[in-house]
Amino acid sequence: MSTETRRGAEVAAGEMTPRPFRVTARDRETHDTWTLRLLPRSGPPIGNKPGQFTMVYVPGVGEVPLSVSADTAPGGPDRERPLVHTVRAVGAVTEAICATRPGGVLGVRGPFGQGWPLESAVGADVLVIAGGLGLAPLRPLVQRILRRRRDFGEVAVLYGSRTPADILYRRELAAWGDRPDLQTLVTVDGAGPGWDGRVGVVTALVPSARFDPAGTVAFVCGPEIMMRLTARTLVDAGIPAGRIHLSMERNMHCGLGHCGRCQLGPLILCLDGPVVGYDRLDRLLAVREL
């Protein structure tokens, strides 16, 4: 198979062709968000790393990038190793994906991009900070950390949601909260009747987490303004910018660095990201509308 080399990575010509994947399960998370499990109709499962994404195609509708939202690596509890995506219905393609019932077929390309640099956190304290749907790309990272819990110091998951009704993975969050070796703090922007938890922005949770700033690695995903404010809060708390990693969302279109639609300054995020260190992003995020 012919290949071309870009930035030291080989790109196979076949990566432009979606593979057919069958939806095996479809679970509703919120009023507009679903989690789908997919298995290839033939060939091996996708060997993705936490933080990577795939391009998911709906025949006759279009294709969108979706972060992988569960860790199904070899040796894990799920022997089928499905591809798992949590999708919010916000447009024609994502609405069609969310409407695909078990038995339906979607096209998948990938995985693409740079994942969470978990090995850089071995022996360190870990902060995982998510806003809204940003918990989906961080969920496989947390799952992998828990599989290797002895490799890390203090671990905290800080999650902010718009409302209680928008909270993802409620059962899993509750199970995380029951673990004595995992700090799990959840807040909402606006509470309604029956909510007795925290109210406020996710950055307000940082002072409540246990971590040594000099020996902490942070992983952050959410709306861009939330990530920018969170990263600045962590730097102000003493965490070096190079130990803060953000997952950037741009208009991924090809996944291979050809089209340039996901360019952010000198970065092509489908290749250089989506996970990028804050030391490389600080000045870029300060430029309005870049």
C-alpha atoms as a PDB file:
ATOM      1  CA  MET A   1       0.000   0.000   0.000  1.00  0.00           C
ATOM      2  CA  SER A   2       1.390   3.387  -0.938  1.00  0.00           C
ATOM      3  CA  THR A   3       2.181   5.824   1.847  1.00  0.00           C
ATOM      4  CA  GLU A   4       3.353   9.371   2.276  1.00  0.00           C
ATOM      5  CA  THR A   5       5.226  10.821   5.223  1.00  0.00           C
ATOM      6  CA  ARG A   6       4.159  13.990   7.024  1.00  0.00           C
ATOM      7  CA  ARG A   7       5.800  15.214  10.244  1.00  0.00           C
ATOM      8  CA  GLY A   8       7.405  11.829  10.736  1.00  0.00           C
ATOM      9  CA  ALA A   9       4.193   9.789  10.574  1.00  0.00           C
ATOM     10  CA  GLU A  10       3.247   7.399   7.787  1.00  0.00           C
ATOM     11  CA  VAL A  11      -0.209   7.978   6.318  1.00  0.00           C
ATOM     12  CA  ALA A  12      -1.756   5.037   4.494  1.00  0.00           C
ATOM     13  CA  ALA A  13      -3.776   5.783   1.358  1.00  0.00           C
ATOM     14  CA  GLY A  14      -6.516   3.467   2.652  1.00  0.00           C
ATOM     15  CA  GLU A  15      -7.192   5.770   5.597  1.00  0.00           C
ATOM     16  CA  MET A  16      -9.475   7.819   3.333  1.00  0.00           C
ATOM     17  CA  THR A  17     -11.848   4.852   2.999  1.00  0.00           C
ATOM     18  CA  PRO A  18     -14.348   4.225   5.842  1.00  0.00           C
ATOM     19  CA  ARG A  19     -14.648   0.693   7.209  1.00  0.00           C
ATOM     20  CA  PRO A  20     -18.184  -0.564   7.934  1.00  0.00           C
ATOM     21  CA  PHE A  21     -18.981  -0.848  11.658  1.00  0.00           C
ATOM     22  CA  ARG A  22     -22.191  -2.294  13.060  1.00  0.00           C
ATOM     23  CA  VAL A  23     -23.884  -0.570  15.986  1.00  0.00           C
ATOM     24  CA  THR A  24     -24.315  -3.163  18.757  1.00  0.00           C
ATOM     25  CA  ALA A  25     -25.720  -0.952  21.532  1.00  0.00           C
ATOM     26  CA  ARG A  26     -27.209   2.531  21.867  1.00  0.00           C
ATOM     27  CA  ASP A  27     -27.755   4.049  25.299  1.00  0.00           C
ATOM     28  CA  ARG A  28     -29.261   7.415  26.060  1.00  0.00           C
ATOM     29  CA  GLU A  29     -27.161   9.657  28.327  1.00  0.00           C
ATOM     30  CA  THR A  30     -29.243  12.869  28.288  1.00  0.00           C
ATOM     31  CA  HIS A  31     -32.104  14.324  26.258  1.00  0.00           C
ATOM     32  CA  ASP A  32     -29.795  14.932  23.271  1.00  0.00           C
ATOM     33  CA  THR A  33     -26.760  12.695  23.876  1.00  0.00           C
ATOM     34  CA  TRP A  34     -26.261   8.993  23.198  1.00  0.00           C
ATOM     35  CA  THR A  35     -23.462   6.475  23.662  1.00  0.00           C
ATOM     36  CA  LEU A  36     -22.995   3.968  20.830  1.00  0.00           C
ATOM     37  CA  ARG A  37     -20.939   0.781  20.782  1.00  0.00           C
ATOM     38  CA  LEU A  38     -19.687  -0.357  17.397  1.00  0.00           C
ATOM     39  CA  LEU A  39     -17.904  -3.460  16.135  1.00  0.00           C
ATOM     40  CA  PRO A  40     -16.242  -3.887  12.742  1.00  0.00           C
ATOM     41  CA  ARG A  41     -18.159  -6.078  10.320  1.00  0.00           C
ATOM     42  CA  SER A  42     -14.804  -7.603   9.373  1.00  0.00           C
ATOM     43  CA  GLY A  43     -11.175  -7.176  10.262  1.00  0.00           C
ATOM     44  CA  PRO A  44      -9.544  -6.225  13.553  1.00  0.00           C
ATOM     45  CA  PRO A  45     -10.944  -3.723  16.064  1.00  0.00           C
ATOM     46  CA  ILE A  46      -9.569  -0.201  16.114  1.00  0.00           C
ATOM     47  CA  GLY A  47      -6.506   0.069  18.340  1.00  0.00           C
ATOM     48  CA  ASN A  48      -7.048   3.577  19.622  1.00  0.00           C
ATOM     49  CA  LYS A  49      -5.434   5.362  22.552  1.00  0.00           C
ATOM     50  CA  PRO A  50      -7.368   7.541  25.022  1.00  0.00           C
ATOM     51  CA  GLY A  51      -7.702  11.012  23.554  1.00  0.00           C
ATOM     52  CA  GLN A  52      -7.680   9.987  19.886  1.00  0.00           C
ATOM     53  CA  PHE A  53     -10.641  10.419  17.545  1.00  0.00           C
ATOM     54  CA  THR A  54     -12.184   8.718  14.541  1.00  0.00           C
ATOM     55  CA  MET A  55     -14.096  10.037  11.555  1.00  0.00           C
ATOM     56  CA  VAL A  56     -17.604   8.552  11.538  1.00  0.00           C
ATOM     57  CA  TYR A  57     -19.583   8.512   8.305  1.00  0.00           C
ATOM     58  CA  VAL A  58     -23.334   8.236   7.786  1.00  0.00           C
ATOM     59  CA  PRO A  59     -24.055   7.144   4.203  1.00  0.00           C
ATOM     60  CA  GLY A  60     -25.827   9.880   2.306  1.00  0.00           C
ATOM     61  CA  VAL A  61     -25.506  12.394   5.153  1.00  0.00           C
ATOM     62  CA  GLY A  62     -21.847  13.133   5.913  1.00  0.00           C
ATOM     63  CA  GLU A  63     -18.884  12.562   8.196  1.00  0.00           C
ATOM     64  CA  VAL A  64     -17.827  14.057  11.543  1.00  0.00           C
ATOM     65  CA  PRO A  65     -14.922  13.614  13.960  1.00  0.00           C
ATOM     66  CA  LEU A  66     -15.814  11.908  17.241  1.00  0.00           C
ATOM     67  CA  SER A  67     -13.615  11.340  20.270  1.00  0.00           C
ATOM     68  CA  VAL A  68     -13.387   7.774  21.530  1.00  0.00           C
ATOM     69  CA  SER A  69     -15.223   7.608  24.857  1.00  0.00           C
ATOM     70  CA  ALA A  70     -14.253   4.274  26.427  1.00  0.00           C
ATOM     71  CA  ASP A  71     -11.019   2.381  26.982  1.00  0.00           C
ATOM     72  CA  THR A  72     -11.279  -1.037  25.349  1.00  0.00           C
ATOM     73  CA  ALA A  73      -7.574  -1.798  25.021  1.00  0.00           C
ATOM     74  CA  PRO A  74      -6.287  -5.394  25.049  1.00  0.00           C
ATOM     75  CA  GLY A  75      -6.320  -6.826  28.546  1.00  0.00           C
ATOM     76  CA  GLY A  76      -9.343  -4.815  29.589  1.00  0.00           C
ATOM     77  CA  PRO A  77     -12.641  -6.194  30.877  1.00  0.00           C
ATOM     78  CA  ASP A  78     -14.411  -5.958  27.499  1.00  0.00           C
ATOM     79  CA  ARG A  79     -13.117  -8.779  25.330  1.00  0.00           C
ATOM     80  CA  GLU A  80     -15.073  -7.616  22.274  1.00  0.00           C
ATOM     81  CA  ARG A  81     -13.092  -4.352  22.264  1.00  0.00           C
ATOM     82  CA  PRO A  82     -15.883  -2.254  20.717  1.00  0.00           C
ATOM     83  CA  LEU A  83     -15.417   1.281  19.482  1.00  0.00           C
ATOM     84  CA  VAL A  84     -17.405   3.556  21.808  1.00  0.00           C
ATOM     85  CA  HIS A  85     -18.560   7.075  21.000  1.00  0.00           C
ATOM     86  CA  THR A  86     -20.686   9.469  23.030  1.00  0.00           C
ATOM     87  CA  VAL A  87     -22.452  11.813  20.624  1.00  0.00           C
ATOM     88  CA  ARG A  88     -24.552  14.948  21.098  1.00  0.00           C
ATOM     89  CA  ALA A  89     -27.139  15.546  18.379  1.00  0.00           C
ATOM     90  CA  VAL A  90     -26.335  19.083  17.209  1.00  0.00           C
ATOM     91  CA  GLY A  91     -26.507  18.821  13.410  1.00  0.00           C
ATOM     92  CA  ALA A  92     -27.590  16.612  10.544  1.00  0.00           C
ATOM     93  CA  VAL A  93     -24.723  14.116  10.808  1.00  0.00           C
ATOM     94  CA  THR A  94     -24.684  13.778  14.598  1.00  0.00           C
ATOM     95  CA  GLU A  95     -28.482  13.527  14.640  1.00  0.00           C
ATOM     96  CA  ALA A  96     -28.254  10.665  12.142  1.00  0.00           C
ATOM     97  CA  ILE A  97     -25.562   8.937  14.204  1.00  0.00           C
ATOM     98  CA  CYS A  98     -27.610   9.238  17.394  1.00  0.00           C
ATOM     99  CA  ALA A  99     -30.632   7.825  15.558  1.00  0.00           C
ATOM    100  CA  THR A 100     -28.744   4.725  14.361  1.00  0.00           C
ATOM    101  CA  ARG A 101     -30.184   1.752  16.215  1.00  0.00           C
ATOM    102  CA  PRO A 102     -28.437  -1.567  16.951  1.00  0.00           C
ATOM    103  CA  GLY A 103     -27.918  -3.422  13.693  1.00  0.00           C
ATOM    104  CA  GLY A 104     -27.347  -0.239  11.718  1.00  0.00           C
ATOM    105  CA  VAL A 105     -24.032   0.331   9.943  1.00  0.00           C
ATOM    106  CA  LEU A 106     -21.770   3.392  10.078  1.00  0.00           C
ATOM    107  CA  GLY A 107     -18.463   4.027   8.342  1.00  0.00           C
ATOM    108  CA  VAL A 108     -15.347   4.614  10.446  1.00  0.00           C
ATOM    109  CA  ARG A 109     -11.886   5.938   9.619  1.00  0.00           C
ATOM    110  CA  GLY A 110      -9.030   6.188  12.074  1.00  0.00           C
ATOM    111  CA  PRO A 111      -7.935   6.404  14.781  1.00  0.00           C
ATOM    112  CA  PHE A 112      -6.297   9.793  14.299  1.00  0.00           C
ATOM    113  CA  GLY A 113      -4.343  12.325  16.310  1.00  0.00           C
ATOM    114  CA  GLN A 114      -2.293  12.502  19.467  1.00  0.00           C
ATOM    115  CA  GLY A 115      -3.848  11.052  22.615  1.00  0.00           C
ATOM    116  CA  TRP A 116      -3.427  11.889  26.287  1.00  0.00           C
ATOM    117  CA  PRO A 117       0.262  11.488  27.314  1.00  0.00           C
ATOM    118  CA  LEU A 118      -0.522   9.279  30.285  1.00  0.00           C
ATOM    119  CA  GLU A 119       3.018   7.981  30.660  1.00  0.00           C
ATOM    120  CA  SER A 120       4.162  11.495  31.539  1.00  0.00           C
ATOM    121  CA  ALA A 121       1.980  11.261  34.655  1.00  0.00           C
ATOM    122  CA  VAL A 122       3.414   8.034  36.064  1.00  0.00           C
ATOM    123  CA  GLY A 123       4.481   8.692  39.651  1.00  0.00           C
ATOM    124  CA  ALA A 124       2.727  12.081  39.682  1.00  0.00           C
ATOM    125  CA  ASP A 125      -0.548  13.412  41.003  1.00  0.00           C
ATOM    126  CA  VAL A 126      -3.238  13.636  38.309  1.00  0.00           C
ATOM    127  CA  LEU A 127      -6.015  16.151  37.728  1.00  0.00           C
ATOM    128  CA  VAL A 128      -8.701  15.282  35.173  1.00  0.00           C
ATOM    129  CA  ILE A 129     -10.928  18.300  34.524  1.00  0.00           C
ATOM    130  CA  ALA A 130     -13.934  18.123  32.205  1.00  0.00           C
ATOM    131  CA  GLY A 131     -16.652  20.496  31.130  1.00  0.00           C
ATOM    132  CA  GLY A 132     -19.890  19.219  29.588  1.00  0.00           C
ATOM    133  CA  LEU A 133     -19.358  16.739  26.767  1.00  0.00           C
ATOM    134  CA  GLY A 134     -15.621  17.077  27.431  1.00  0.00           C
ATOM    135  CA  LEU A 135     -15.980  14.225  29.891  1.00  0.00           C
ATOM    136  CA  ALA A 136     -16.357  11.817  26.942  1.00  0.00           C
ATOM    137  CA  PRO A 137     -12.737  12.072  25.661  1.00  0.00           C
ATOM    138  CA  LEU A 138     -11.473  11.972  29.272  1.00  0.00           C
ATOM    139  CA  ARG A 139     -13.497   8.948  30.332  1.00  0.00           C
ATOM    140  CA  PRO A 140     -11.159   6.393  28.687  1.00  0.00           C
ATOM    141  CA  LEU A 141      -8.210   8.140  30.338  1.00  0.00           C
ATOM    142  CA  VAL A 142      -9.819   7.787  33.777  1.00  0.00           C
ATOM    143  CA  GLN A 143     -10.656   4.158  33.053  1.00  0.00           C
ATOM    144  CA  ARG A 144      -7.061   3.434  32.131  1.00  0.00           C
ATOM    145  CA  ILE A 145      -5.725   5.285  35.189  1.00  0.00           C
ATOM    146  CA  LEU A 146      -7.967   3.177  37.419  1.00  0.00           C
ATOM    147  CA  ARG A 147      -6.671  -0.002  35.759  1.00  0.00           C
ATOM    148  CA  ARG A 148      -3.159   1.170  36.689  1.00  0.00           C
ATOM    149  CA  ARG A 149      -4.022   2.980  39.888  1.00  0.00           C
ATOM    150  CA  ARG A 150      -0.769   2.113  41.685  1.00  0.00           C
ATOM    151  CA  ASP A 151       1.235   3.983  39.039  1.00  0.00           C
ATOM    152  CA  PHE A 152      -0.061   7.386  40.163  1.00  0.00           C
ATOM    153  CA  GLY A 153      -0.268   9.554  43.265  1.00  0.00           C
ATOM    154  CA  GLU A 154      -3.393  11.501  44.106  1.00  0.00           C
ATOM    155  CA  VAL A 155      -6.012  11.361  41.347  1.00  0.00           C
ATOM    156  CA  ALA A 156      -8.918  13.801  41.102  1.00  0.00           C
ATOM    157  CA  VAL A 157     -11.743  14.021  38.559  1.00  0.00           C
ATOM    158  CA  LEU A 158     -13.397  17.457  38.458  1.00  0.00           C
ATOM    159  CA  TYR A 159     -16.507  17.670  36.283  1.00  0.00           C
ATOM    160  CA  GLY A 160     -18.731  20.624  35.474  1.00  0.00           C
ATOM    161  CA  SER A 161     -22.087  20.383  33.721  1.00  0.00           C
ATOM    162  CA  ARG A 162     -24.612  23.018  32.661  1.00  0.00           C
ATOM    163  CA  THR A 163     -27.455  21.446  34.628  1.00  0.00           C
ATOM    164  CA  PRO A 164     -28.034  18.204  36.566  1.00  0.00           C
ATOM    165  CA  ALA A 165     -29.986  16.882  33.575  1.00  0.00           C
ATOM    166  CA  ASP A 166     -26.889  17.242  31.354  1.00  0.00           C
ATOM    167  CA  ILE A 167     -24.581  15.106  33.509  1.00  0.00           C
ATOM    168  CA  LEU A 168     -23.032  12.197  31.601  1.00  0.00           C
ATOM    169  CA  TYR A 169     -22.248   8.668  32.824  1.00  0.00           C
ATOM    170  CA  ARG A 170     -24.182   9.017  36.086  1.00  0.00           C
ATOM    171  CA  ARG A 171     -23.644   5.431  37.263  1.00  0.00           C
ATOM    172  CA  GLU A 172     -19.943   5.524  36.488  1.00  0.00           C
ATOM    173  CA  LEU A 173     -19.523   8.889  38.217  1.00  0.00           C
ATOM    174  CA  ALA A 174     -21.267   7.463  41.283  1.00  0.00           C
ATOM    175  CA  ALA A 175     -18.943   4.441  41.232  1.00  0.00           C
ATOM    176  CA  TRP A 176     -15.929   6.724  40.954  1.00  0.00           C
ATOM    177  CA  GLY A 177     -17.232   8.745  43.880  1.00  0.00           C
ATOM    178  CA  ASP A 178     -17.391   5.603  46.022  1.00  0.00           C
ATOM    179  CA  ARG A 179     -13.699   4.838  45.518  1.00  0.00           C
ATOM    180  CA  PRO A 180     -11.428   5.925  48.384  1.00  0.00           C
ATOM    181  CA  ASP A 181      -8.495   6.269  45.967  1.00  0.00           C
ATOM    182  CA  LEU A 182     -10.238   8.683  43.599  1.00  0.00           C
ATOM    183  CA  GLN A 183     -11.474  12.204  44.305  1.00  0.00           C
ATOM    184  CA  THR A 184     -14.618  12.861  42.247  1.00  0.00           C
ATOM    185  CA  LEU A 185     -16.115  16.352  42.429  1.00  0.00           C
ATOM    186  CA  VAL A 186     -19.119  17.411  40.329  1.00  0.00           C
ATOM    187  CA  THR A 187     -20.639  20.857  39.925  1.00  0.00           C
ATOM    188  CA  VAL A 188     -23.376  22.418  37.772  1.00  0.00           C
ATOM    189  CA  ASP A 189     -23.789  25.918  36.417  1.00  0.00           C
ATOM    190  CA  GLY A 190     -27.460  26.032  37.305  1.00  0.00           C
ATOM    191  CA  ALA A 191     -29.347  23.778  39.716  1.00  0.00           C
ATOM    192  CA  GLY A 192     -33.013  22.914  39.885  1.00  0.00           C
ATOM    193  CA  PRO A 193     -35.233  21.250  42.477  1.00  0.00           C
ATOM    194  CA  GLY A 194     -33.721  18.110  43.934  1.00  0.00           C
ATOM    195  CA  TRP A 195     -30.073  19.003  43.321  1.00  0.00           C
ATOM    196  CA  ASP A 196     -28.098  19.155  46.567  1.00  0.00           C
ATOM    197  CA  GLY A 197     -24.617  19.123  45.051  1.00  0.00           C
ATOM    198  CA  ARG A 198     -22.180  21.898  44.201  1.00  0.00           C
ATOM    199  CA  VAL A 199     -23.190  24.863  42.051  1.00  0.00           C
ATOM    200  CA  GLY A 200     -20.623  26.941  40.168  1.00  0.00           C
ATOM    201  CA  VAL A 201     -17.987  26.768  37.468  1.00  0.00           C
ATOM    202  CA  VAL A 202     -15.610  23.825  37.342  1.00  0.00           C
ATOM    203  CA  THR A 203     -12.561  25.962  38.120  1.00  0.00           C
ATOM    204  CA  ALA A 204     -14.032  26.570  41.569  1.00  0.00           C
ATOM    205  CA  LEU A 205     -13.431  22.875  42.323  1.00  0.00           C
ATOM    206  CA  VAL A 206      -9.653  23.128  41.943  1.00  0.00           C
ATOM    207  CA  PRO A 207      -8.962  24.387  45.509  1.00  0.00           C
ATOM    208  CA  SER A 208     -10.930  21.412  46.906  1.00  0.00           C
ATOM    209  CA  ALA A 209      -8.766  18.803  45.137  1.00  0.00           C
ATOM    210  CA  ARG A 210      -5.720  17.216  46.776  1.00  0.00           C
ATOM    211  CA  PHE A 211      -2.580  17.563  44.661  1.00  0.00           C
ATOM    212  CA  ASP A 212       1.002  18.773  44.814  1.00  0.00           C
ATOM    213  CA  PRO A 213       1.295  21.457  42.104  1.00  0.00           C
ATOM    214  CA  ALA A 214       4.990  20.815  41.499  1.00  0.00           C
ATOM    215  CA  GLY A 215       4.320  17.129  40.889  1.00  0.00           C
ATOM    216  CA  THR A 216       0.973  17.199  39.074  1.00  0.00           C
ATOM    217  CA  VAL A 217      -0.065  16.482  35.494  1.00  0.00           C
ATOM    218  CA  ALA A 218      -3.446  17.848  34.374  1.00  0.00           C
ATOM    219  CA  PHE A 219      -5.704  16.719  31.532  1.00  0.00           C
ATOM    220  CA  VAL A 220      -8.469  19.130  30.477  1.00  0.00           C
ATOM    221  CA  CYS A 221     -11.313  18.958  27.962  1.00  0.00           C
ATOM    222  CA  GLY A 222     -14.414  21.056  27.442  1.00  0.00           C
ATOM    223  CA  PRO A 223     -15.543  24.245  25.733  1.00  0.00           C
ATOM    224  CA  GLU A 224     -12.567  26.340  24.672  1.00  0.00           C
ATOM    225  CA  ILE A 225     -13.262  29.202  27.070  1.00  0.00           C
ATOM    226  CA  MET A 226     -13.557  26.714  29.931  1.00  0.00           C
ATOM    227  CA  MET A 227     -10.216  25.132  29.027  1.00  0.00           C
ATOM    228  CA  ARG A 228      -8.507  28.498  28.735  1.00  0.00           C
ATOM    229  CA  LEU A 229      -9.742  29.622  32.168  1.00  0.00           C
ATOM    230  CA  THR A 230      -8.994  26.232  33.712  1.00  0.00           C
ATOM    231  CA  ALA A 231      -5.445  26.172  32.358  1.00  0.00           C
ATOM    232  CA  ARG A 232      -4.815  29.661  33.700  1.00  0.00           C
ATOM    233  CA  THR A 233      -6.204  28.614  37.097  1.00  0.00           C
ATOM    234  CA  LEU A 234      -3.865  25.618  37.179  1.00  0.00           C
ATOM    235  CA  VAL A 235      -0.844  27.725  36.218  1.00  0.00           C
ATOM    236  CA  ASP A 236      -1.751  30.190  38.957  1.00  0.00           C
ATOM    237  CA  ALA A 237      -1.930  27.225  41.360  1.00  0.00           C
ATOM    238  CA  GLY A 238       1.669  26.331  40.503  1.00  0.00           C
ATOM    239  CA  ILE A 239       1.349  23.600  37.853  1.00  0.00           C
ATOM    240  CA  PRO A 240       3.854  24.145  35.002  1.00  0.00           C
ATOM    241  CA  ALA A 241       2.188  24.910  31.653  1.00  0.00           C
ATOM    242  CA  GLY A 242       4.001  22.009  29.993  1.00  0.00           C
ATOM    243  CA  ARG A 243       2.293  19.579  32.385  1.00  0.00           C
ATOM    244  CA  ILE A 244      -1.199  20.784  31.468  1.00  0.00           C
ATOM    245  CA  HIS A 245      -2.717  19.061  28.425  1.00  0.00           C
ATOM    246  CA  LEU A 246      -5.812  20.265  26.556  1.00  0.00           C
ATOM    247  CA  SER A 247      -7.888  18.508  23.913  1.00  0.00           C
ATOM    248  CA  MET A 248      -8.597  21.041  21.187  1.00  0.00           C
ATOM    249  CA  GLU A 249     -11.656  20.909  18.954  1.00  0.00           C
ATOM    250  CA  ARG A 250     -11.513  22.375  15.480  1.00  0.00           C
ATOM    251  CA  ASN A 251     -13.205  21.542  12.179  1.00  0.00           C
ATOM    252  CA  MET A 252     -11.522  18.180  11.550  1.00  0.00           C
ATOM    253  CA  HIS A 253     -12.379  17.202   8.000  1.00  0.00           C
ATOM    254  CA  CYS A 254      -9.847  14.738   6.608  1.00  0.00           C
ATOM    255  CA  GLY A 255      -7.980  13.527   9.714  1.00  0.00           C
ATOM    256  CA  LEU A 256      -4.771  13.302   7.698  1.00  0.00           C
ATOM    257  CA  GLY A 257      -3.469  16.871   7.616  1.00  0.00           C
ATOM    258  CA  HIS A 258      -4.379  17.392   3.947  1.00  0.00           C
ATOM    259  CA  CYS A 259      -7.196  19.947   4.062  1.00  0.00           C
ATOM    260  CA  GLY A 260      -5.902  22.366   6.703  1.00  0.00           C
ATOM    261  CA  ARG A 261      -9.344  23.083   8.147  1.00  0.00           C
ATOM    262  CA  CYS A 262      -8.207  22.274  11.683  1.00  0.00           C
ATOM    263  CA  GLN A 263      -5.227  24.634  11.604  1.00  0.00           C
ATOM    264  CA  LEU A 264      -4.536  26.604  14.781  1.00  0.00           C
ATOM    265  CA  GLY A 265      -1.594  28.910  14.166  1.00  0.00           C
ATOM    266  CA  PRO A 266       1.334  26.615  13.308  1.00  0.00           C
ATOM    267  CA  LEU A 267      -0.552  23.505  14.478  1.00  0.00           C
ATOM    268  CA  ILE A 268      -2.550  21.080  12.344  1.00  0.00           C
ATOM    269  CA  LEU A 269      -4.679  19.632  15.109  1.00  0.00           C
ATOM    270  CA  CYS A 270      -5.621  16.341  13.450  1.00  0.00           C
ATOM    271  CA  LEU A 271      -1.881  15.569  13.436  1.00  0.00           C
ATOM    272  CA  ASP A 272      -0.362  17.709  16.202  1.00  0.00           C
ATOM    273  CA  GLY A 273      -3.422  17.292  18.440  1.00  0.00           C
ATOM    274  CA  PRO A 274      -6.153  17.101  19.427  1.00  0.00           C
ATOM    275  CA  VAL A 275      -4.211  16.825  22.718  1.00  0.00           C
ATOM    276  CA  VAL A 276      -1.655  19.635  22.985  1.00  0.00           C
ATOM    277  CA  GLY A 277       0.370  20.972  25.906  1.00  0.00           C
ATOM    278  CA  TYR A 278      -0.704  24.338  27.280  1.00  0.00           C
ATOM    279  CA  ASP A 279       2.846  25.624  26.894  1.00  0.00           C
ATOM    280  CA  ARG A 280       2.225  25.464  23.119  1.00  0.00           C
ATOM    281  CA  LEU A 281      -1.335  26.805  23.311  1.00  0.00           C
ATOM    282  CA  ASP A 282      -1.129  29.710  25.742  1.00  0.00           C
ATOM    283  CA  ARG A 283      -0.265  32.405  23.197  1.00  0.00           C
ATOM    284  CA  LEU A 284      -2.454  30.896  20.468  1.00  0.00           C
ATOM    285  CA  LEU A 285      -5.571  30.880  22.656  1.00  0.00           C
ATOM    286  CA  ALA A 286      -4.981  34.523  23.505  1.00  0.00           C
ATOM    287  CA  VAL A 287      -5.518  35.510  19.845  1.00  0.00           C
ATOM    288  CA  ARG A 288      -9.182  36.278  19.275  1.00  0.00           C
ATOM    289  CA  GLU A 289     -10.851  34.246  16.514  1.00  0.00           C
ATOM    290  CA  LEU A 290      -7.654  32.370  15.598  1.00  0.00           C
END
